[in-house]
Amino acid sequence: MEELYTKMKEYLKMDTEISYQEFAEYYEKVMKYLQSDFQKMDKDENIKAKFILSIVSNNAATRAKRKDSEMKKYKKYQEKCSFWEKAIDYHLTNEGMSKQEIDEAVGKLSEEDGE
């Protein structure tokens, strides 16, 4: 998770948009990680995963509005990210966190990135 988180922070500092190929590769790494490690992720990893998913989801949704050959793929990426975000919310609320606490923890990561 730490590698994916570090890469996302790197992306957020960029002035240009990454290519479809790079976006798809990063997305696949995130999905592969979640599919293999979701059950054993700790609270910190879940928060970082939700942070990553929210950014990938928002970017995919924005890119899906474009009328190009990848439009449908981005829509699928956005839908899958949304699914995983809900799974993480469920997991964290079962561990005792409120929706507000989850949002604040994710927001704190966003603020750290802005520094």
N, C-alpha and C. Protein backbone atom coordinates (compact mmCIF):
# COMPACT_ATOMS: atom_id res chain seq x y z
N MET A 1 0.83 -1.20 0.00
CA MET A 1 0.00 0.00 0.00
C MET A 1 0.87 1.25 0.00
N GLU A 2 1.96 1.18 0.72
CA GLU A 2 2.82 2.36 0.84
C GLU A 2 3.37 2.78 -0.53
N GLU A 3 3.72 1.81 -1.35
CA GLU A 3 4.23 2.10 -2.70
C GLU A 3 3.16 2.79 -3.55
N LEU A 4 1.93 2.28 -3.47
CA LEU A 4 0.81 2.88 -4.23
C LEU A 4 0.52 4.30 -3.73
N TYR A 5 0.57 4.47 -2.42
CA TYR A 5 0.32 5.78 -1.82
C TYR A 5 1.39 6.79 -2.24
N THR A 6 2.64 6.37 -2.20
CA THR A 6 3.75 7.24 -2.60
C THR A 6 3.62 7.64 -4.07
N LYS A 7 3.25 6.68 -4.91
CA LYS A 7 3.07 6.97 -6.34
C LYS A 7 1.92 7.96 -6.54
N MET A 8 0.85 7.81 -5.79
CA MET A 8 -0.29 8.74 -5.93
C MET A 8 0.15 10.14 -5.54
N LYS A 9 0.89 10.27 -4.47
CA LYS A 9 1.37 11.58 -4.05
C LYS A 9 2.25 12.20 -5.14
N GLU A 10 3.03 11.37 -5.81
CA GLU A 10 3.85 11.83 -6.92
C GLU A 10 2.97 12.34 -8.07
N TYR A 11 1.93 11.57 -8.39
CA TYR A 11 1.00 11.98 -9.45
C TYR A 11 0.34 13.32 -9.12
N LEU A 12 -0.02 13.50 -7.86
CA LEU A 12 -0.73 14.72 -7.47
C LEU A 12 0.13 15.97 -7.60
N LYS A 13 1.42 15.80 -7.61
CA LYS A 13 2.33 16.94 -7.75
C LYS A 13 2.60 17.30 -9.21
N MET A 14 2.14 16.46 -10.12
CA MET A 14 2.40 16.68 -11.54
C MET A 14 1.52 17.80 -12.10
N ASP A 15 2.06 18.50 -13.09
CA ASP A 15 1.30 19.56 -13.76
C ASP A 15 0.57 19.04 -14.99
N THR A 16 0.98 17.89 -15.48
CA THR A 16 0.37 17.33 -16.68
C THR A 16 -0.40 16.06 -16.34
N GLU A 17 -1.29 15.70 -17.21
CA GLU A 17 -2.10 14.51 -17.03
C GLU A 17 -1.32 13.28 -17.51
N ILE A 18 -1.44 12.18 -16.77
CA ILE A 18 -0.76 10.96 -17.20
C ILE A 18 -1.53 10.34 -18.36
N SER A 19 -0.86 9.52 -19.12
CA SER A 19 -1.47 8.87 -20.28
C SER A 19 -2.48 7.82 -19.84
N TYR A 20 -3.31 7.40 -20.79
CA TYR A 20 -4.26 6.33 -20.49
C TYR A 20 -3.51 5.09 -20.04
N GLN A 21 -2.42 4.76 -20.74
CA GLN A 21 -1.64 3.56 -20.43
C GLN A 21 -1.15 3.58 -18.98
N GLU A 22 -0.59 4.69 -18.56
CA GLU A 22 -0.07 4.80 -17.20
C GLU A 22 -1.22 4.76 -16.18
N PHE A 23 -2.32 5.42 -16.50
CA PHE A 23 -3.50 5.41 -15.63
C PHE A 23 -3.98 3.97 -15.45
N ALA A 24 -4.11 3.25 -16.56
CA ALA A 24 -4.60 1.87 -16.53
C ALA A 24 -3.66 0.97 -15.73
N GLU A 25 -2.36 1.14 -15.89
CA GLU A 25 -1.39 0.33 -15.15
C GLU A 25 -1.48 0.59 -13.65
N TYR A 26 -1.59 1.86 -13.26
CA TYR A 26 -1.71 2.19 -11.85
C TYR A 26 -3.01 1.62 -11.28
N TYR A 27 -4.09 1.81 -12.01
CA TYR A 27 -5.40 1.28 -11.60
C TYR A 27 -5.31 -0.23 -11.37
N GLU A 28 -4.69 -0.93 -12.30
CA GLU A 28 -4.57 -2.40 -12.18
C GLU A 28 -3.77 -2.79 -10.95
N LYS A 29 -2.71 -2.05 -10.64
CA LYS A 29 -1.92 -2.34 -9.44
C LYS A 29 -2.76 -2.16 -8.18
N VAL A 30 -3.55 -1.10 -8.15
CA VAL A 30 -4.43 -0.86 -7.00
C VAL A 30 -5.45 -1.98 -6.86
N MET A 31 -6.07 -2.37 -7.96
CA MET A 31 -7.08 -3.44 -7.92
C MET A 31 -6.46 -4.77 -7.49
N LYS A 32 -5.29 -5.07 -8.02
CA LYS A 32 -4.62 -6.33 -7.67
C LYS A 32 -4.29 -6.35 -6.18
N TYR A 33 -3.81 -5.22 -5.66
CA TYR A 33 -3.49 -5.13 -4.24
C TYR A 33 -4.75 -5.36 -3.40
N LEU A 34 -5.83 -4.68 -3.74
CA LEU A 34 -7.07 -4.82 -2.97
C LEU A 34 -7.60 -6.25 -3.02
N GLN A 35 -7.55 -6.86 -4.19
CA GLN A 35 -8.06 -8.22 -4.32
C GLN A 35 -7.25 -9.22 -3.51
N SER A 36 -5.95 -9.00 -3.40
CA SER A 36 -5.12 -9.96 -2.68
C SER A 36 -4.99 -9.65 -1.18
N ASP A 37 -5.05 -8.37 -0.81
CA ASP A 37 -4.72 -7.98 0.57
C ASP A 37 -5.86 -7.33 1.37
N PHE A 38 -7.01 -7.15 0.79
CA PHE A 38 -8.08 -6.42 1.46
C PHE A 38 -8.40 -6.97 2.85
N GLN A 39 -8.50 -8.26 2.98
CA GLN A 39 -8.90 -8.87 4.25
C GLN A 39 -7.89 -8.64 5.38
N LYS A 40 -6.62 -8.42 5.02
CA LYS A 40 -5.60 -8.25 6.06
C LYS A 40 -5.10 -6.82 6.20
N MET A 41 -5.75 -5.88 5.51
CA MET A 41 -5.34 -4.48 5.60
C MET A 41 -5.70 -3.89 6.96
N ASP A 42 -4.78 -3.11 7.54
CA ASP A 42 -5.07 -2.44 8.80
C ASP A 42 -5.77 -1.10 8.54
N LYS A 43 -6.08 -0.42 9.62
CA LYS A 43 -6.82 0.85 9.52
C LYS A 43 -6.10 1.86 8.64
N ASP A 44 -4.80 2.03 8.85
CA ASP A 44 -4.00 2.99 8.09
C ASP A 44 -4.01 2.65 6.59
N GLU A 45 -3.86 1.38 6.28
CA GLU A 45 -3.87 0.94 4.88
C GLU A 45 -5.24 1.19 4.25
N ASN A 46 -6.30 0.96 5.02
CA ASN A 46 -7.64 1.21 4.50
C ASN A 46 -7.86 2.69 4.20
N ILE A 47 -7.38 3.55 5.08
CA ILE A 47 -7.52 4.99 4.87
C ILE A 47 -6.75 5.41 3.62
N LYS A 48 -5.52 4.93 3.48
CA LYS A 48 -4.72 5.26 2.30
C LYS A 48 -5.36 4.71 1.03
N ALA A 49 -5.91 3.51 1.11
CA ALA A 49 -6.59 2.93 -0.05
C ALA A 49 -7.80 3.77 -0.44
N LYS A 50 -8.57 4.22 0.55
CA LYS A 50 -9.74 5.04 0.25
C LYS A 50 -9.31 6.37 -0.37
N PHE A 51 -8.24 6.95 0.12
CA PHE A 51 -7.68 8.18 -0.45
C PHE A 51 -7.33 7.96 -1.93
N ILE A 52 -6.60 6.90 -2.21
CA ILE A 52 -6.20 6.58 -3.58
C ILE A 52 -7.43 6.34 -4.45
N LEU A 53 -8.35 5.53 -3.96
CA LEU A 53 -9.55 5.20 -4.74
C LEU A 53 -10.38 6.44 -5.06
N SER A 54 -10.49 7.35 -4.11
CA SER A 54 -11.29 8.55 -4.37
C SER A 54 -10.67 9.39 -5.48
N ILE A 55 -9.35 9.47 -5.51
CA ILE A 55 -8.69 10.25 -6.55
C ILE A 55 -8.79 9.55 -7.90
N VAL A 56 -8.53 8.24 -7.92
CA VAL A 56 -8.63 7.49 -9.17
C VAL A 56 -10.06 7.54 -9.69
N SER A 57 -11.02 7.39 -8.79
CA SER A 57 -12.43 7.43 -9.17
C SER A 57 -12.82 8.77 -9.76
N ASN A 58 -12.42 9.85 -9.11
CA ASN A 58 -12.74 11.20 -9.62
C ASN A 58 -12.09 11.45 -10.97
N ASN A 59 -10.84 11.04 -11.11
CA ASN A 59 -10.16 11.22 -12.39
C ASN A 59 -10.80 10.37 -13.48
N ALA A 60 -11.15 9.14 -13.15
CA ALA A 60 -11.79 8.27 -14.13
C ALA A 60 -13.14 8.85 -14.55
N ALA A 61 -13.90 9.38 -13.60
CA ALA A 61 -15.21 9.97 -13.92
C ALA A 61 -15.04 11.17 -14.85
N THR A 62 -14.04 11.99 -14.58
CA THR A 62 -13.78 13.15 -15.43
C THR A 62 -13.38 12.71 -16.83
N ARG A 63 -12.50 11.74 -16.90
CA ARG A 63 -12.03 11.26 -18.21
C ARG A 63 -13.13 10.52 -18.96
N ALA A 64 -14.05 9.90 -18.24
CA ALA A 64 -15.15 9.17 -18.88
C ALA A 64 -16.10 10.10 -19.62
N LYS A 65 -16.09 11.37 -19.28
CA LYS A 65 -16.97 12.34 -19.94
C LYS A 65 -16.47 12.73 -21.32
N ARG A 66 -15.22 12.40 -21.60
CA ARG A 66 -14.65 12.71 -22.91
C ARG A 66 -15.16 11.71 -23.94
N LYS A 67 -15.35 12.20 -25.12
CA LYS A 67 -15.82 11.33 -26.20
C LYS A 67 -14.62 10.75 -26.93
N ASP A 68 -14.02 9.72 -26.34
CA ASP A 68 -12.89 9.07 -26.99
C ASP A 68 -12.98 7.56 -26.81
N SER A 69 -11.99 6.85 -27.33
CA SER A 69 -12.03 5.38 -27.33
C SER A 69 -11.92 4.75 -25.94
N GLU A 70 -11.41 5.49 -24.95
CA GLU A 70 -11.27 4.95 -23.60
C GLU A 70 -12.44 5.31 -22.68
N MET A 71 -13.40 6.03 -23.19
CA MET A 71 -14.51 6.53 -22.38
C MET A 71 -15.17 5.41 -21.54
N LYS A 72 -15.50 4.29 -22.17
CA LYS A 72 -16.18 3.20 -21.46
C LYS A 72 -15.26 2.55 -20.42
N LYS A 73 -13.98 2.47 -20.73
CA LYS A 73 -13.03 1.88 -19.78
C LYS A 73 -12.95 2.74 -18.52
N TYR A 74 -12.88 4.05 -18.70
CA TYR A 74 -12.83 4.94 -17.54
C TYR A 74 -14.09 4.81 -16.69
N LYS A 75 -15.22 4.66 -17.34
CA LYS A 75 -16.49 4.49 -16.61
C LYS A 75 -16.42 3.24 -15.74
N LYS A 76 -15.89 2.15 -16.30
CA LYS A 76 -15.74 0.90 -15.53
C LYS A 76 -14.77 1.09 -14.37
N TYR A 77 -13.68 1.81 -14.61
CA TYR A 77 -12.72 2.07 -13.54
C TYR A 77 -13.40 2.81 -12.40
N GLN A 78 -14.18 3.81 -12.75
CA GLN A 78 -14.87 4.62 -11.74
C GLN A 78 -15.84 3.76 -10.94
N GLU A 79 -16.57 2.90 -11.62
CA GLU A 79 -17.53 2.03 -10.93
C GLU A 79 -16.84 1.07 -9.98
N LYS A 80 -15.73 0.50 -10.41
CA LYS A 80 -15.01 -0.45 -9.56
C LYS A 80 -14.38 0.26 -8.36
N CYS A 81 -13.87 1.46 -8.57
CA CYS A 81 -13.32 2.23 -7.45
C CYS A 81 -14.41 2.54 -6.43
N SER A 82 -15.58 2.89 -6.91
CA SER A 82 -16.71 3.20 -6.04
C SER A 82 -17.08 1.97 -5.20
N PHE A 83 -17.09 0.81 -5.83
CA PHE A 83 -17.37 -0.44 -5.12
C PHE A 83 -16.36 -0.64 -3.98
N TRP A 84 -15.07 -0.48 -4.28
CA TRP A 84 -14.03 -0.68 -3.27
C TRP A 84 -14.09 0.37 -2.18
N GLU A 85 -14.43 1.60 -2.53
CA GLU A 85 -14.58 2.64 -1.50
C GLU A 85 -15.67 2.24 -0.51
N LYS A 86 -16.78 1.72 -1.01
CA LYS A 86 -17.88 1.28 -0.14
C LYS A 86 -17.44 0.11 0.74
N ALA A 87 -16.67 -0.81 0.17
CA ALA A 87 -16.18 -1.96 0.94
C ALA A 87 -15.26 -1.48 2.07
N ILE A 88 -14.43 -0.51 1.78
CA ILE A 88 -13.52 0.03 2.80
C ILE A 88 -14.31 0.76 3.88
N ASP A 89 -15.30 1.55 3.47
CA ASP A 89 -16.17 2.22 4.45
C ASP A 89 -16.81 1.19 5.38
N TYR A 90 -17.33 0.12 4.80
CA TYR A 90 -17.97 -0.94 5.58
C TYR A 90 -16.97 -1.55 6.56
N HIS A 91 -15.79 -1.86 6.06
CA HIS A 91 -14.73 -2.46 6.87
C HIS A 91 -14.36 -1.55 8.05
N LEU A 92 -14.16 -0.26 7.75
CA LEU A 92 -13.76 0.68 8.80
C LEU A 92 -14.88 0.96 9.80
N THR A 93 -16.13 1.01 9.35
CA THR A 93 -17.22 1.22 10.30
C THR A 93 -17.38 0.00 11.21
N ASN A 94 -17.11 -1.18 10.68
CA ASN A 94 -17.15 -2.39 11.52
C ASN A 94 -16.03 -2.38 12.55
N GLU A 95 -14.96 -1.65 12.27
CA GLU A 95 -13.86 -1.51 13.23
C GLU A 95 -14.11 -0.37 14.22
N GLY A 96 -15.26 0.29 14.09
CA GLY A 96 -15.64 1.30 15.06
C GLY A 96 -15.49 2.75 14.62
N MET A 97 -15.09 3.00 13.40
CA MET A 97 -14.97 4.38 12.93
C MET A 97 -16.31 4.87 12.38
N SER A 98 -16.61 6.13 12.62
CA SER A 98 -17.82 6.72 12.04
C SER A 98 -17.49 7.22 10.63
N LYS A 99 -18.52 7.49 9.86
CA LYS A 99 -18.31 8.03 8.50
C LYS A 99 -17.53 9.34 8.57
N GLN A 100 -17.84 10.16 9.56
CA GLN A 100 -17.15 11.44 9.73
C GLN A 100 -15.66 11.22 10.04
N GLU A 101 -15.37 10.27 10.90
CA GLU A 101 -13.97 9.98 11.24
C GLU A 101 -13.20 9.47 10.02
N ILE A 102 -13.85 8.65 9.21
CA ILE A 102 -13.23 8.14 7.98
C ILE A 102 -12.94 9.31 7.04
N ASP A 103 -13.94 10.16 6.83
CA ASP A 103 -13.77 11.31 5.93
C ASP A 103 -12.67 12.25 6.43
N GLU A 104 -12.61 12.45 7.74
CA GLU A 104 -11.57 13.32 8.32
C GLU A 104 -10.18 12.72 8.11
N ALA A 105 -10.05 11.40 8.29
CA ALA A 105 -8.75 10.73 8.11
C ALA A 105 -8.29 10.82 6.66
N VAL A 106 -9.22 10.64 5.72
CA VAL A 106 -8.89 10.75 4.30
C VAL A 106 -8.56 12.21 3.97
N GLY A 107 -9.33 13.12 4.53
CA GLY A 107 -9.08 14.55 4.33
C GLY A 107 -7.72 14.98 4.84
N LYS A 108 -7.31 14.38 5.95
CA LYS A 108 -6.00 14.69 6.52
C LYS A 108 -4.88 14.29 5.55
N LEU A 109 -5.05 13.17 4.87
CA LEU A 109 -4.06 12.75 3.86
C LEU A 109 -4.02 13.75 2.71
N SER A 110 -5.18 14.27 2.34
CA SER A 110 -5.24 15.28 1.27
C SER A 110 -4.53 16.54 1.69
N GLU A 111 -4.70 16.94 2.94
CA GLU A 111 -4.04 18.14 3.46
C GLU A 111 -2.54 17.96 3.50
N GLU A 112 -2.09 16.78 3.91
CA GLU A 112 -0.66 16.49 3.96
C GLU A 112 -0.06 16.59 2.57
N ASP A 113 -0.80 16.18 1.58
CA ASP A 113 -0.32 16.23 0.21
C ASP A 113 -0.17 17.67 -0.26
N GLY A 114 -1.03 18.55 0.24
CA GLY A 114 -1.01 19.95 -0.17
C GLY A 114 0.16 20.74 0.37
N GLU A 115 0.87 20.19 1.34
CA GLU A 115 1.98 20.90 1.97
C GLU A 115 3.22 20.95 1.09
